[in-house]
Amino acid sequence: MDPIVTIVGQRVFRQTYVGGCAVMIRRGVYERFGPIGEALGKPQSDRGNDRPFLESGWTIYQQRLYDAGLINGYPWPPVHVDHMEDTRSPHCVRTAEHEAYKQTMRGMSLDEFTQALCVWRPH
């Protein structure tokens, strides 16, 4: 199976699970499946607001979309999105509030997050 498909004139690189700082979903799919918490049957008080995004149901939600025959993926050719949590970016958000958030939600500082999770390397 070719990993790159054309859907309504747009090329998409198939990927079962997508992540990153810019996630999009078609309005019709959103209306069909609902918000992540509702789609997973979670009560309002337990919809991930107090946990990291990856643990708040996004992965399970993507699995439901995939199981329904929908295509998850990235635009092709790739679109560069500056990751504003990567300390190597000149646009990195470095505030005391953001550092506290990263420490609370990820258990690491922005610098530790960059070293552990960010994969792009500036030229």
PDB file of N, CA and C in Angstrom:
ATOM      1  N   MET A   1       0.842  -1.169   0.000  1.00  0.00           N
ATOM      2  CA  MET A   1       0.000   0.000   0.000  1.00  0.00           C
ATOM      3  C   MET A   1       0.893   1.241   0.000  1.00  0.00           C
ATOM      4  N   ASP A   2       0.613   2.160  -0.913  1.00  0.00           N
ATOM      5  CA  ASP A   2       1.378   3.402  -0.993  1.00  0.00           C
ATOM      6  C   ASP A   2       1.059   4.257   0.235  1.00  0.00           C
ATOM      7  N   PRO A   3       2.087   4.718   0.950  1.00  0.00           N
ATOM      8  CA  PRO A   3       1.807   5.517   2.140  1.00  0.00           C
ATOM      9  C   PRO A   3       1.269   6.914   1.804  1.00  0.00           C
ATOM     10  N   ILE A   4       1.439   7.359   0.552  1.00  0.00           N
ATOM     11  CA  ILE A   4       0.953   8.682   0.155  1.00  0.00           C
ATOM     12  C   ILE A   4      -0.275   8.505  -0.726  1.00  0.00           C
ATOM     13  N   VAL A   5      -1.398   9.085  -0.289  1.00  0.00           N
ATOM     14  CA  VAL A   5      -2.652   8.988  -1.025  1.00  0.00           C
ATOM     15  C   VAL A   5      -3.142  10.401  -1.342  1.00  0.00           C
ATOM     16  N   THR A   6      -3.970  10.505  -2.369  1.00  0.00           N
ATOM     17  CA  THR A   6      -4.576  11.790  -2.704  1.00  0.00           C
ATOM     18  C   THR A   6      -6.047  11.729  -2.326  1.00  0.00           C
ATOM     19  N   ILE A   7      -6.468  12.692  -1.530  1.00  0.00           N
ATOM     20  CA  ILE A   7      -7.845  12.761  -1.056  1.00  0.00           C
ATOM     21  C   ILE A   7      -8.375  14.154  -1.389  1.00  0.00           C
ATOM     22  N   VAL A   8      -9.386  14.204  -2.220  1.00  0.00           N
ATOM     23  CA  VAL A   8      -9.992  15.464  -2.646  1.00  0.00           C
ATOM     24  C   VAL A   8      -8.905  16.451  -3.080  1.00  0.00           C
ATOM     25  N   GLY A   9      -7.986  15.970  -3.876  1.00  0.00           N
ATOM     26  CA  GLY A   9      -6.928  16.817  -4.425  1.00  0.00           C
ATOM     27  C   GLY A   9      -5.771  17.112  -3.497  1.00  0.00           C
ATOM     28  N   GLN A  10      -5.801  16.608  -2.278  1.00  0.00           N
ATOM     29  CA  GLN A  10      -4.722  16.853  -1.313  1.00  0.00           C
ATOM     30  C   GLN A  10      -3.947  15.569  -1.073  1.00  0.00           C
ATOM     31  N   ARG A  11      -2.623  15.670  -1.126  1.00  0.00           N
ATOM     32  CA  ARG A  11      -1.793  14.502  -0.847  1.00  0.00           C
ATOM     33  C   ARG A  11      -1.591  14.359   0.655  1.00  0.00           C
ATOM     34  N   VAL A  12      -1.717  13.117   1.121  1.00  0.00           N
ATOM     35  CA  VAL A  12      -1.620  12.821   2.552  1.00  0.00           C
ATOM     36  C   VAL A  12      -0.683  11.633   2.745  1.00  0.00           C
ATOM     37  N   PHE A  13       0.241  11.775   3.660  1.00  0.00           N
ATOM     38  CA  PHE A  13       1.127  10.680   4.055  1.00  0.00           C
ATOM     39  C   PHE A  13       0.413   9.922   5.171  1.00  0.00           C
ATOM     40  N   ARG A  14      -0.012   8.701   4.880  1.00  0.00           N
ATOM     41  CA  ARG A  14      -0.738   7.892   5.868  1.00  0.00           C
ATOM     42  C   ARG A  14       0.126   7.623   7.097  1.00  0.00           C
ATOM     43  N   GLN A  15      -0.469   7.797   8.250  1.00  0.00           N
ATOM     44  CA  GLN A  15       0.203   7.500   9.511  1.00  0.00           C
ATOM     45  C   GLN A  15      -0.895   7.185  10.511  1.00  0.00           C
ATOM     46  N   THR A  16      -0.894   6.010  11.076  1.00  0.00           N
ATOM     47  CA  THR A  16      -1.972   5.604  11.967  1.00  0.00           C
ATOM     48  C   THR A  16      -2.157   6.590  13.112  1.00  0.00           C
ATOM     49  N   TYR A  17      -1.057   7.009  13.700  1.00  0.00           N
ATOM     50  CA  TYR A  17      -1.124   7.957  14.811  1.00  0.00           C
ATOM     51  C   TYR A  17      -0.343   9.196  14.442  1.00  0.00           C
ATOM     52  N   VAL A  18      -0.985  10.343  14.549  1.00  0.00           N
ATOM     53  CA  VAL A  18      -0.304  11.599  14.277  1.00  0.00           C
ATOM     54  C   VAL A  18      -0.205  12.381  15.577  1.00  0.00           C
ATOM     55  N   GLY A  19       0.794  13.178  15.653  1.00  0.00           N
ATOM     56  CA  GLY A  19       0.977  14.015  16.820  1.00  0.00           C
ATOM     57  C   GLY A  19       1.615  15.306  16.402  1.00  0.00           C
ATOM     58  N   GLY A  20       1.921  16.110  17.349  1.00  0.00           N
ATOM     59  CA  GLY A  20       2.573  17.365  17.038  1.00  0.00           C
ATOM     60  C   GLY A  20       1.801  18.544  17.580  1.00  0.00           C
ATOM     61  N   CYS A  21       2.180  19.684  17.100  1.00  0.00           N
ATOM     62  CA  CYS A  21       1.608  20.914  17.647  1.00  0.00           C
ATOM     63  C   CYS A  21       0.507  21.492  16.778  1.00  0.00           C
ATOM     64  N   ALA A  22       0.140  20.842  15.710  1.00  0.00           N
ATOM     65  CA  ALA A  22      -0.915  21.358  14.832  1.00  0.00           C
ATOM     66  C   ALA A  22      -1.726  20.175  14.308  1.00  0.00           C
ATOM     67  N   VAL A  23      -2.784  19.824  15.006  1.00  0.00           N
ATOM     68  CA  VAL A  23      -3.605  18.684  14.627  1.00  0.00           C
ATOM     69  C   VAL A  23      -4.917  19.208  14.060  1.00  0.00           C
ATOM     70  N   MET A  24      -5.335  18.650  12.926  1.00  0.00           N
ATOM     71  CA  MET A  24      -6.595  19.059  12.305  1.00  0.00           C
ATOM     72  C   MET A  24      -7.471  17.835  12.091  1.00  0.00           C
ATOM     73  N   ILE A  25      -8.772  18.074  12.130  1.00  0.00           N
ATOM     74  CA  ILE A  25      -9.739  17.019  11.865  1.00  0.00           C
ATOM     75  C   ILE A  25     -10.878  17.674  11.077  1.00  0.00           C
ATOM     76  N   ARG A  26     -11.391  16.970  10.088  1.00  0.00           N
ATOM     77  CA  ARG A  26     -12.485  17.526   9.288  1.00  0.00           C
ATOM     78  C   ARG A  26     -13.713  17.755  10.166  1.00  0.00           C
ATOM     79  N   ARG A  27     -14.448  18.827   9.875  1.00  0.00           N
ATOM     80  CA  ARG A  27     -15.625  19.180  10.670  1.00  0.00           C
ATOM     81  C   ARG A  27     -16.638  18.022  10.704  1.00  0.00           C
ATOM     82  N   GLY A  28     -16.883  17.390   9.557  1.00  0.00           N
ATOM     83  CA  GLY A  28     -17.844  16.291   9.516  1.00  0.00           C
ATOM     84  C   GLY A  28     -17.434  15.124  10.399  1.00  0.00           C
ATOM     85  N   VAL A  29     -16.137  14.847  10.448  1.00  0.00           N
ATOM     86  CA  VAL A  29     -15.642  13.762  11.306  1.00  0.00           C
ATOM     87  C   VAL A  29     -15.820  14.159  12.770  1.00  0.00           C
ATOM     88  N   TYR A  30     -15.497  15.400  13.074  1.00  0.00           N
ATOM     89  CA  TYR A  30     -15.660  15.900  14.448  1.00  0.00           C
ATOM     90  C   TYR A  30     -17.132  15.805  14.868  1.00  0.00           C
ATOM     91  N   GLU A  31     -18.030  16.208  13.953  1.00  0.00           N
ATOM     92  CA  GLU A  31     -19.458  16.154  14.274  1.00  0.00           C
ATOM     93  C   GLU A  31     -19.923  14.705  14.446  1.00  0.00           C
ATOM     94  N   ARG A  32     -19.331  13.790  13.688  1.00  0.00           N
ATOM     95  CA  ARG A  32     -19.706  12.372  13.788  1.00  0.00           C
ATOM     96  C   ARG A  32     -19.203  11.738  15.085  1.00  0.00           C
ATOM     97  N   PHE A  33     -17.947  12.008  15.429  1.00  0.00           N
ATOM     98  CA  PHE A  33     -17.332  11.359  16.591  1.00  0.00           C
ATOM     99  C   PHE A  33     -17.407  12.198  17.857  1.00  0.00           C
ATOM    100  N   GLY A  34     -17.535  13.500  17.709  1.00  0.00           N
ATOM    101  CA  GLY A  34     -17.606  14.392  18.855  1.00  0.00           C
ATOM    102  C   GLY A  34     -16.239  14.721  19.413  1.00  0.00           C
ATOM    103  N   PRO A  35     -16.204  15.573  20.432  1.00  0.00           N
ATOM    104  CA  PRO A  35     -14.940  15.897  21.096  1.00  0.00           C
ATOM    105  C   PRO A  35     -14.301  14.641  21.684  1.00  0.00           C
ATOM    106  N   ILE A  36     -13.028  14.664  21.897  1.00  0.00           N
ATOM    107  CA  ILE A  36     -12.308  13.481  22.378  1.00  0.00           C
ATOM    108  C   ILE A  36     -12.971  12.882  23.612  1.00  0.00           C
ATOM    109  N   GLY A  37     -13.231  13.685  24.615  1.00  0.00           N
ATOM    110  CA  GLY A  37     -13.831  13.161  25.842  1.00  0.00           C
ATOM    111  C   GLY A  37     -15.185  12.523  25.629  1.00  0.00           C
ATOM    112  N   GLU A  38     -16.054  13.186  24.865  1.00  0.00           N
ATOM    113  CA  GLU A  38     -17.381  12.640  24.596  1.00  0.00           C
ATOM    114  C   GLU A  38     -17.285  11.354  23.797  1.00  0.00           C
ATOM    115  N   ALA A  39     -16.375  11.324  22.816  1.00  0.00           N
ATOM    116  CA  ALA A  39     -16.228  10.137  21.971  1.00  0.00           C
ATOM    117  C   ALA A  39     -15.769   8.930  22.772  1.00  0.00           C
ATOM    118  N   LEU A  40     -15.088   9.173  23.861  1.00  0.00           N
ATOM    119  CA  LEU A  40     -14.582   8.073  24.680  1.00  0.00           C
ATOM    120  C   LEU A  40     -15.482   7.786  25.874  1.00  0.00           C
ATOM    121  N   GLY A  41     -16.585   8.524  25.968  1.00  0.00           N
ATOM    122  CA  GLY A  41     -17.523   8.298  27.063  1.00  0.00           C
ATOM    123  C   GLY A  41     -17.018   8.762  28.413  1.00  0.00           C
ATOM    124  N   LYS A  42     -16.078   9.705  28.414  1.00  0.00           N
ATOM    125  CA  LYS A  42     -15.544  10.187  29.687  1.00  0.00           C
ATOM    126  C   LYS A  42     -16.439  11.284  30.250  1.00  0.00           C
ATOM    127  N   PRO A  43     -16.646  11.292  31.560  1.00  0.00           N
ATOM    128  CA  PRO A  43     -17.395  12.402  32.152  1.00  0.00           C
ATOM    129  C   PRO A  43     -16.602  13.703  32.008  1.00  0.00           C
ATOM    130  N   GLN A  44     -17.288  14.821  32.041  1.00  0.00           N
ATOM    131  CA  GLN A  44     -16.656  16.135  31.865  1.00  0.00           C
ATOM    132  C   GLN A  44     -15.458  16.302  32.793  1.00  0.00           C
ATOM    133  N   SER A  45     -15.554  15.796  34.021  1.00  0.00           N
ATOM    134  CA  SER A  45     -14.486  15.984  34.996  1.00  0.00           C
ATOM    135  C   SER A  45     -13.245  15.140  34.705  1.00  0.00           C
ATOM    136  N   ASP A  46     -13.327  14.177  33.772  1.00  0.00           N
ATOM    137  CA  ASP A  46     -12.197  13.287  33.502  1.00  0.00           C
ATOM    138  C   ASP A  46     -11.846  13.269  32.016  1.00  0.00           C
ATOM    139  N   ARG A  47     -11.737  14.442  31.421  1.00  0.00           N
ATOM    140  CA  ARG A  47     -11.451  14.507  29.988  1.00  0.00           C
ATOM    141  C   ARG A  47     -10.024  14.931  29.692  1.00  0.00           C
ATOM    142  N   GLY A  48      -9.119  14.686  30.615  1.00  0.00           N
ATOM    143  CA  GLY A  48      -7.719  14.911  30.307  1.00  0.00           C
ATOM    144  C   GLY A  48      -7.206  16.298  30.600  1.00  0.00           C
ATOM    145  N   ASN A  49      -8.034  17.164  31.164  1.00  0.00           N
ATOM    146  CA  ASN A  49      -7.581  18.531  31.410  1.00  0.00           C
ATOM    147  C   ASN A  49      -6.454  18.597  32.425  1.00  0.00           C
ATOM    148  N   ASP A  50      -6.288  17.545  33.202  1.00  0.00           N
ATOM    149  CA  ASP A  50      -5.250  17.552  34.221  1.00  0.00           C
ATOM    150  C   ASP A  50      -4.117  16.585  33.889  1.00  0.00           C
ATOM    151  N   ARG A  51      -4.072  16.087  32.641  1.00  0.00           N
ATOM    152  CA  ARG A  51      -3.045  15.133  32.250  1.00  0.00           C
ATOM    153  C   ARG A  51      -2.435  15.545  30.920  1.00  0.00           C
ATOM    154  N   PRO A  52      -1.250  15.062  30.612  1.00  0.00           N
ATOM    155  CA  PRO A  52      -0.653  15.352  29.311  1.00  0.00           C
ATOM    156  C   PRO A  52      -1.571  14.931  28.175  1.00  0.00           C
ATOM    157  N   PHE A  53      -1.496  15.653  27.058  1.00  0.00           N
ATOM    158  CA  PHE A  53      -2.380  15.428  25.911  1.00  0.00           C
ATOM    159  C   PHE A  53      -2.372  13.983  25.437  1.00  0.00           C
ATOM    160  N   LEU A  54      -1.200  13.349  25.361  1.00  0.00           N
ATOM    161  CA  LEU A  54      -1.140  11.979  24.866  1.00  0.00           C
ATOM    162  C   LEU A  54      -1.886  11.005  25.771  1.00  0.00           C
ATOM    163  N   GLU A  55      -2.042  11.362  27.022  1.00  0.00           N
ATOM    164  CA  GLU A  55      -2.754  10.499  27.952  1.00  0.00           C
ATOM    165  C   GLU A  55      -4.217  10.904  28.099  1.00  0.00           C
ATOM    166  N   SER A  56      -4.654  11.912  27.359  1.00  0.00           N
ATOM    167  CA  SER A  56      -6.014  12.410  27.519  1.00  0.00           C
ATOM    168  C   SER A  56      -6.978  11.822  26.511  1.00  0.00           C
ATOM    169  N   GLY A  57      -6.542  10.848  25.733  1.00  0.00           N
ATOM    170  CA  GLY A  57      -7.446  10.171  24.845  1.00  0.00           C
ATOM    171  C   GLY A  57      -7.196  10.351  23.365  1.00  0.00           C
ATOM    172  N   TRP A  58      -6.261  11.210  22.978  1.00  0.00           N
ATOM    173  CA  TRP A  58      -6.019  11.471  21.560  1.00  0.00           C
ATOM    174  C   TRP A  58      -5.609  10.201  20.815  1.00  0.00           C
ATOM    175  N   THR A  59      -4.760   9.381  21.398  1.00  0.00           N
ATOM    176  CA  THR A  59      -4.328   8.144  20.742  1.00  0.00           C
ATOM    177  C   THR A  59      -5.511   7.203  20.548  1.00  0.00           C
ATOM    178  N   ILE A  60      -6.342   7.049  21.563  1.00  0.00           N
ATOM    179  CA  ILE A  60      -7.516   6.174  21.462  1.00  0.00           C
ATOM    180  C   ILE A  60      -8.491   6.734  20.429  1.00  0.00           C
ATOM    181  N   TYR A  61      -8.661   8.044  20.411  1.00  0.00           N
ATOM    182  CA  TYR A  61      -9.546   8.702  19.450  1.00  0.00           C
ATOM    183  C   TYR A  61      -9.079   8.409  18.020  1.00  0.00           C
ATOM    184  N   GLN A  62      -7.778   8.535  17.781  1.00  0.00           N
ATOM    185  CA  GLN A  62      -7.230   8.238  16.462  1.00  0.00           C
ATOM    186  C   GLN A  62      -7.473   6.787  16.074  1.00  0.00           C
ATOM    187  N   GLN A  63      -7.362   5.885  17.036  1.00  0.00           N
ATOM    188  CA  GLN A  63      -7.616   4.476  16.759  1.00  0.00           C
ATOM    189  C   GLN A  63      -9.065   4.272  16.326  1.00  0.00           C
ATOM    190  N   ARG A  64      -9.982   4.977  16.975  1.00  0.00           N
ATOM    191  CA  ARG A  64     -11.399   4.882  16.588  1.00  0.00           C
ATOM    192  C   ARG A  64     -11.600   5.394  15.164  1.00  0.00           C
ATOM    193  N   LEU A  65     -10.935   6.490  14.791  1.00  0.00           N
ATOM    194  CA  LEU A  65     -11.048   7.017  13.429  1.00  0.00           C
ATOM    195  C   LEU A  65     -10.506   6.001  12.428  1.00  0.00           C
ATOM    196  N   TYR A  66      -9.344   5.433  12.736  1.00  0.00           N
ATOM    197  CA  TYR A  66      -8.711   4.434  11.872  1.00  0.00           C
ATOM    198  C   TYR A  66      -9.603   3.197  11.731  1.00  0.00           C
ATOM    199  N   ASP A  67     -10.143   2.726  12.849  1.00  0.00           N
ATOM    200  CA  ASP A  67     -11.016   1.551  12.827  1.00  0.00           C
ATOM    201  C   ASP A  67     -12.282   1.802  12.005  1.00  0.00           C
ATOM    202  N   ALA A  68     -12.699   3.062  11.908  1.00  0.00           N
ATOM    203  CA  ALA A  68     -13.887   3.417  11.126  1.00  0.00           C
ATOM    204  C   ALA A  68     -13.562   3.556   9.638  1.00  0.00           C
ATOM    205  N   GLY A  69     -12.295   3.305   9.278  1.00  0.00           N
ATOM    206  CA  GLY A  69     -11.903   3.359   7.877  1.00  0.00           C
ATOM    207  C   GLY A  69     -11.408   4.715   7.421  1.00  0.00           C
ATOM    208  N   LEU A  70     -11.244   5.640   8.349  1.00  0.00           N
ATOM    209  CA  LEU A  70     -10.740   6.969   7.994  1.00  0.00           C
ATOM    210  C   LEU A  70      -9.218   6.945   7.917  1.00  0.00           C
ATOM    211  N   ILE A  71      -8.657   7.950   7.294  1.00  0.00           N
ATOM    212  CA  ILE A  71      -7.209   8.013   7.105  1.00  0.00           C
ATOM    213  C   ILE A  71      -6.626   9.091   7.996  1.00  0.00           C
ATOM    214  N   ASN A  72      -5.726   8.699   8.864  1.00  0.00           N
ATOM    215  CA  ASN A  72      -4.942   9.635   9.660  1.00  0.00           C
ATOM    216  C   ASN A  72      -3.647   9.876   8.892  1.00  0.00           C
ATOM    217  N   GLY A  73      -3.088  11.052   9.022  1.00  0.00           N
ATOM    218  CA  GLY A  73      -1.824  11.295   8.340  1.00  0.00           C
ATOM    219  C   GLY A  73      -1.393  12.738   8.401  1.00  0.00           C
ATOM    220  N   TYR A  74      -0.367  13.009   7.612  1.00  0.00           N
ATOM    221  CA  TYR A  74       0.234  14.340   7.539  1.00  0.00           C
ATOM    222  C   TYR A  74       0.113  14.868   6.114  1.00  0.00           C
ATOM    223  N   PRO A  75       0.029  16.196   5.960  1.00  0.00           N
ATOM    224  CA  PRO A  75       0.020  16.741   4.601  1.00  0.00           C
ATOM    225  C   PRO A  75       1.329  16.388   3.897  1.00  0.00           C
ATOM    226  N   TRP A  76       1.237  16.187   2.594  1.00  0.00           N
ATOM    227  CA  TRP A  76       2.431  15.877   1.808  1.00  0.00           C
ATOM    228  C   TRP A  76       2.504  16.813   0.626  1.00  0.00           C
ATOM    229  N   PRO A  77       3.618  17.472   0.365  1.00  0.00           N
ATOM    230  CA  PRO A  77       4.876  17.376   1.116  1.00  0.00           C
ATOM    231  C   PRO A  77       4.733  17.984   2.513  1.00  0.00           C
ATOM    232  N   PRO A  78       5.647  17.614   3.397  1.00  0.00           N
ATOM    233  CA  PRO A  78       5.542  18.076   4.782  1.00  0.00           C
ATOM    234  C   PRO A  78       5.501  19.596   4.886  1.00  0.00           C
ATOM    235  N   VAL A  79       4.778  20.055   5.876  1.00  0.00           N
ATOM    236  CA  VAL A  79       4.682  21.472   6.185  1.00  0.00           C
ATOM    237  C   VAL A  79       5.473  21.692   7.465  1.00  0.00           C
ATOM    238  N   HIS A  80       6.432  22.603   7.426  1.00  0.00           N
ATOM    239  CA  HIS A  80       7.209  22.864   8.636  1.00  0.00           C
ATOM    240  C   HIS A  80       6.369  23.686   9.612  1.00  0.00           C
ATOM    241  N   VAL A  81       6.290  23.212  10.842  1.00  0.00           N
ATOM    242  CA  VAL A  81       5.620  23.931  11.910  1.00  0.00           C
ATOM    243  C   VAL A  81       6.658  24.111  13.008  1.00  0.00           C
ATOM    244  N   ASP A  82       6.921  25.342  13.347  1.00  0.00           N
ATOM    245  CA  ASP A  82       7.900  25.627  14.382  1.00  0.00           C
ATOM    246  C   ASP A  82       7.365  25.154  15.728  1.00  0.00           C
ATOM    247  N   HIS A  83       8.093  24.275  16.370  1.00  0.00           N
ATOM    248  CA  HIS A  83       7.679  23.713  17.650  1.00  0.00           C
ATOM    249  C   HIS A  83       8.105  24.672  18.744  1.00  0.00           C
ATOM    250  N   MET A  84       7.142  25.398  19.277  1.00  0.00           N
ATOM    251  CA  MET A  84       7.456  26.469  20.215  1.00  0.00           C
ATOM    252  C   MET A  84       7.775  25.985  21.623  1.00  0.00           C
ATOM    253  N   GLU A  85       7.848  24.667  21.808  1.00  0.00           N
ATOM    254  CA  GLU A  85       8.316  24.117  23.070  1.00  0.00           C
ATOM    255  C   GLU A  85       9.729  23.570  22.935  1.00  0.00           C
ATOM    256  N   ASP A  86      10.290  23.676  21.747  1.00  0.00           N
ATOM    257  CA  ASP A  86      11.654  23.219  21.502  1.00  0.00           C
ATOM    258  C   ASP A  86      12.591  24.389  21.784  1.00  0.00           C
ATOM    259  N   THR A  87      13.453  24.220  22.759  1.00  0.00           N
ATOM    260  CA  THR A  87      14.314  25.324  23.179  1.00  0.00           C
ATOM    261  C   THR A  87      15.300  25.755  22.103  1.00  0.00           C
ATOM    262  N   ARG A  88      15.454  24.944  21.034  1.00  0.00           N
ATOM    263  CA  ARG A  88      16.339  25.344  19.932  1.00  0.00           C
ATOM    264  C   ARG A  88      15.655  26.315  18.983  1.00  0.00           C
ATOM    265  N   SER A  89      14.360  26.472  19.111  1.00  0.00           N
ATOM    266  CA  SER A  89      13.617  27.383  18.250  1.00  0.00           C
ATOM    267  C   SER A  89      13.760  28.811  18.750  1.00  0.00           C
ATOM    268  N   PRO A  90      13.950  29.759  17.840  1.00  0.00           N
ATOM    269  CA  PRO A  90      13.995  31.160  18.275  1.00  0.00           C
ATOM    270  C   PRO A  90      12.636  31.639  18.772  1.00  0.00           C
ATOM    271  N   HIS A  91      11.583  30.864  18.540  1.00  0.00           N
ATOM    272  CA  HIS A  91      10.238  31.236  18.966  1.00  0.00           C
ATOM    273  C   HIS A  91       9.774  30.476  20.205  1.00  0.00           C
ATOM    274  N   CYS A  92      10.691  29.767  20.844  1.00  0.00           N
ATOM    275  CA  CYS A  92      10.340  28.983  22.032  1.00  0.00           C
ATOM    276  C   CYS A  92       9.712  29.894  23.095  1.00  0.00           C
ATOM    277  N   VAL A  93       8.621  29.420  23.663  1.00  0.00           N
ATOM    278  CA  VAL A  93       7.952  30.167  24.719  1.00  0.00           C
ATOM    279  C   VAL A  93       8.642  29.815  26.029  1.00  0.00           C
ATOM    280  N   ARG A  94       9.378  30.792  26.554  1.00  0.00           N
ATOM    281  CA  ARG A  94      10.113  30.571  27.803  1.00  0.00           C
ATOM    282  C   ARG A  94       9.593  31.540  28.859  1.00  0.00           C
ATOM    283  N   THR A  95       8.641  31.060  29.607  1.00  0.00           N
ATOM    284  CA  THR A  95       8.108  31.848  30.712  1.00  0.00           C
ATOM    285  C   THR A  95       8.084  30.946  31.945  1.00  0.00           C
ATOM    286  N   ALA A  96       8.031  31.566  33.099  1.00  0.00           N
ATOM    287  CA  ALA A  96       7.958  30.788  34.336  1.00  0.00           C
ATOM    288  C   ALA A  96       6.687  29.927  34.341  1.00  0.00           C
ATOM    289  N   GLU A  97       5.601  30.490  33.828  1.00  0.00           N
ATOM    290  CA  GLU A  97       4.338  29.748  33.781  1.00  0.00           C
ATOM    291  C   GLU A  97       4.464  28.507  32.889  1.00  0.00           C
ATOM    292  N   HIS A  98       5.114  28.658  31.734  1.00  0.00           N
ATOM    293  CA  HIS A  98       5.267  27.523  30.824  1.00  0.00           C
ATOM    294  C   HIS A  98       6.209  26.474  31.413  1.00  0.00           C
ATOM    295  N   GLU A  99       7.282  26.915  32.041  1.00  0.00           N
ATOM    296  CA  GLU A  99       8.194  25.963  32.696  1.00  0.00           C
ATOM    297  C   GLU A  99       7.452  25.165  33.768  1.00  0.00           C
ATOM    298  N   ALA A 100       6.621  25.852  34.552  1.00  0.00           N
ATOM    299  CA  ALA A 100       5.868  25.169  35.609  1.00  0.00           C
ATOM    300  C   ALA A 100       4.886  24.168  34.996  1.00  0.00           C
ATOM    301  N   TYR A 101       4.255  24.552  33.894  1.00  0.00           N
ATOM    302  CA  TYR A 101       3.325  23.659  33.198  1.00  0.00           C
ATOM    303  C   TYR A 101       4.053  22.400  32.730  1.00  0.00           C
ATOM    304  N   LYS A 102       5.208  22.569  32.062  1.00  0.00           N
ATOM    305  CA  LYS A 102       5.961  21.413  31.561  1.00  0.00           C
ATOM    306  C   LYS A 102       6.372  20.500  32.711  1.00  0.00           C
ATOM    307  N   GLN A 103       6.800  21.096  33.798  1.00  0.00           N
ATOM    308  CA  GLN A 103       7.237  20.301  34.946  1.00  0.00           C
ATOM    309  C   GLN A 103       6.062  19.524  35.526  1.00  0.00           C
ATOM    310  N   THR A 104       4.924  20.183  35.642  1.00  0.00           N
ATOM    311  CA  THR A 104       3.738  19.543  36.213  1.00  0.00           C
ATOM    312  C   THR A 104       3.172  18.477  35.284  1.00  0.00           C
ATOM    313  N   MET A 105       3.028  18.794  33.997  1.00  0.00           N
ATOM    314  CA  MET A 105       2.347  17.908  33.061  1.00  0.00           C
ATOM    315  C   MET A 105       3.251  16.833  32.463  1.00  0.00           C
ATOM    316  N   ARG A 106       4.530  17.123  32.301  1.00  0.00           N
ATOM    317  CA  ARG A 106       5.445  16.169  31.675  1.00  0.00           C
ATOM    318  C   ARG A 106       6.510  15.647  32.617  1.00  0.00           C
ATOM    319  N   GLY A 107       6.649  16.310  33.760  1.00  0.00           N
ATOM    320  CA  GLY A 107       7.661  15.874  34.710  1.00  0.00           C
ATOM    321  C   GLY A 107       9.074  16.202  34.251  1.00  0.00           C
ATOM    322  N   MET A 108       9.193  17.230  33.415  1.00  0.00           N
ATOM    323  CA  MET A 108      10.508  17.639  32.931  1.00  0.00           C
ATOM    324  C   MET A 108      10.488  19.111  32.564  1.00  0.00           C
ATOM    325  N   SER A 109      11.664  19.704  32.520  1.00  0.00           N
ATOM    326  CA  SER A 109      11.783  21.102  32.121  1.00  0.00           C
ATOM    327  C   SER A 109      11.699  21.208  30.599  1.00  0.00           C
ATOM    328  N   LEU A 110      11.615  22.426  30.093  1.00  0.00           N
ATOM    329  CA  LEU A 110      11.615  22.631  28.640  1.00  0.00           C
ATOM    330  C   LEU A 110      12.888  22.075  28.015  1.00  0.00           C
ATOM    331  N   ASP A 111      14.038  22.306  28.652  1.00  0.00           N
ATOM    332  CA  ASP A 111      15.297  21.782  28.108  1.00  0.00           C
ATOM    333  C   ASP A 111      15.300  20.261  28.084  1.00  0.00           C
ATOM    334  N   GLU A 112      14.824  19.634  29.152  1.00  0.00           N
ATOM    335  CA  GLU A 112      14.747  18.169  29.190  1.00  0.00           C
ATOM    336  C   GLU A 112      13.770  17.649  28.137  1.00  0.00           C
ATOM    337  N   PHE A 113      12.652  18.356  27.950  1.00  0.00           N
ATOM    338  CA  PHE A 113      11.671  17.983  26.937  1.00  0.00           C
ATOM    339  C   PHE A 113      12.304  18.021  25.545  1.00  0.00           C
ATOM    340  N   THR A 114      13.050  19.076  25.266  1.00  0.00           N
ATOM    341  CA  THR A 114      13.718  19.198  23.968  1.00  0.00           C
ATOM    342  C   THR A 114      14.657  18.023  23.740  1.00  0.00           C
ATOM    343  N   GLN A 115      15.469  17.708  24.720  1.00  0.00           N
ATOM    344  CA  GLN A 115      16.432  16.623  24.563  1.00  0.00           C
ATOM    345  C   GLN A 115      15.761  15.263  24.423  1.00  0.00           C
ATOM    346  N   ALA A 116      14.675  15.062  25.137  1.00  0.00           N
ATOM    347  CA  ALA A 116      14.027  13.753  25.140  1.00  0.00           C
ATOM    348  C   ALA A 116      13.074  13.524  23.972  1.00  0.00           C
ATOM    349  N   LEU A 117      12.378  14.562  23.544  1.00  0.00           N
ATOM    350  CA  LEU A 117      11.280  14.337  22.627  1.00  0.00           C
ATOM    351  C   LEU A 117      11.359  15.020  21.255  1.00  0.00           C
ATOM    352  N   CYS A 118      12.122  16.048  21.126  1.00  0.00           N
ATOM    353  CA  CYS A 118      12.126  16.776  19.857  1.00  0.00           C
ATOM    354  C   CYS A 118      13.162  16.180  18.912  1.00  0.00           C
ATOM    355  N   VAL A 119      12.752  15.945  17.676  1.00  0.00           N
ATOM    356  CA  VAL A 119      13.620  15.234  16.749  1.00  0.00           C
ATOM    357  C   VAL A 119      14.200  16.093  15.633  1.00  0.00           C
ATOM    358  N   TRP A 120      13.645  17.273  15.348  1.00  0.00           N
ATOM    359  CA  TRP A 120      14.192  18.056  14.240  1.00  0.00           C
ATOM    360  C   TRP A 120      15.476  18.755  14.659  1.00  0.00           C
ATOM    361  N   ARG A 121      16.320  18.955  13.726  1.00  0.00           N
ATOM    362  CA  ARG A 121      17.588  19.624  13.977  1.00  0.00           C
ATOM    363  C   ARG A 121      17.699  20.839  13.065  1.00  0.00           C
ATOM    364  N   PRO A 122      17.874  22.035  13.632  1.00  0.00           N
ATOM    365  CA  PRO A 122      18.003  23.208  12.767  1.00  0.00           C
ATOM    366  C   PRO A 122      19.257  23.104  11.909  1.00  0.00           C
ATOM    367  N   HIS A 123      19.241  23.759  10.786  1.00  0.00           N
ATOM    368  CA  HIS A 123      20.388  23.736   9.849  1.00  0.00           C
ATOM    369  C   HIS A 123      21.580  24.448  10.415  1.00  0.00           C
TER     370      HIS A 123
END
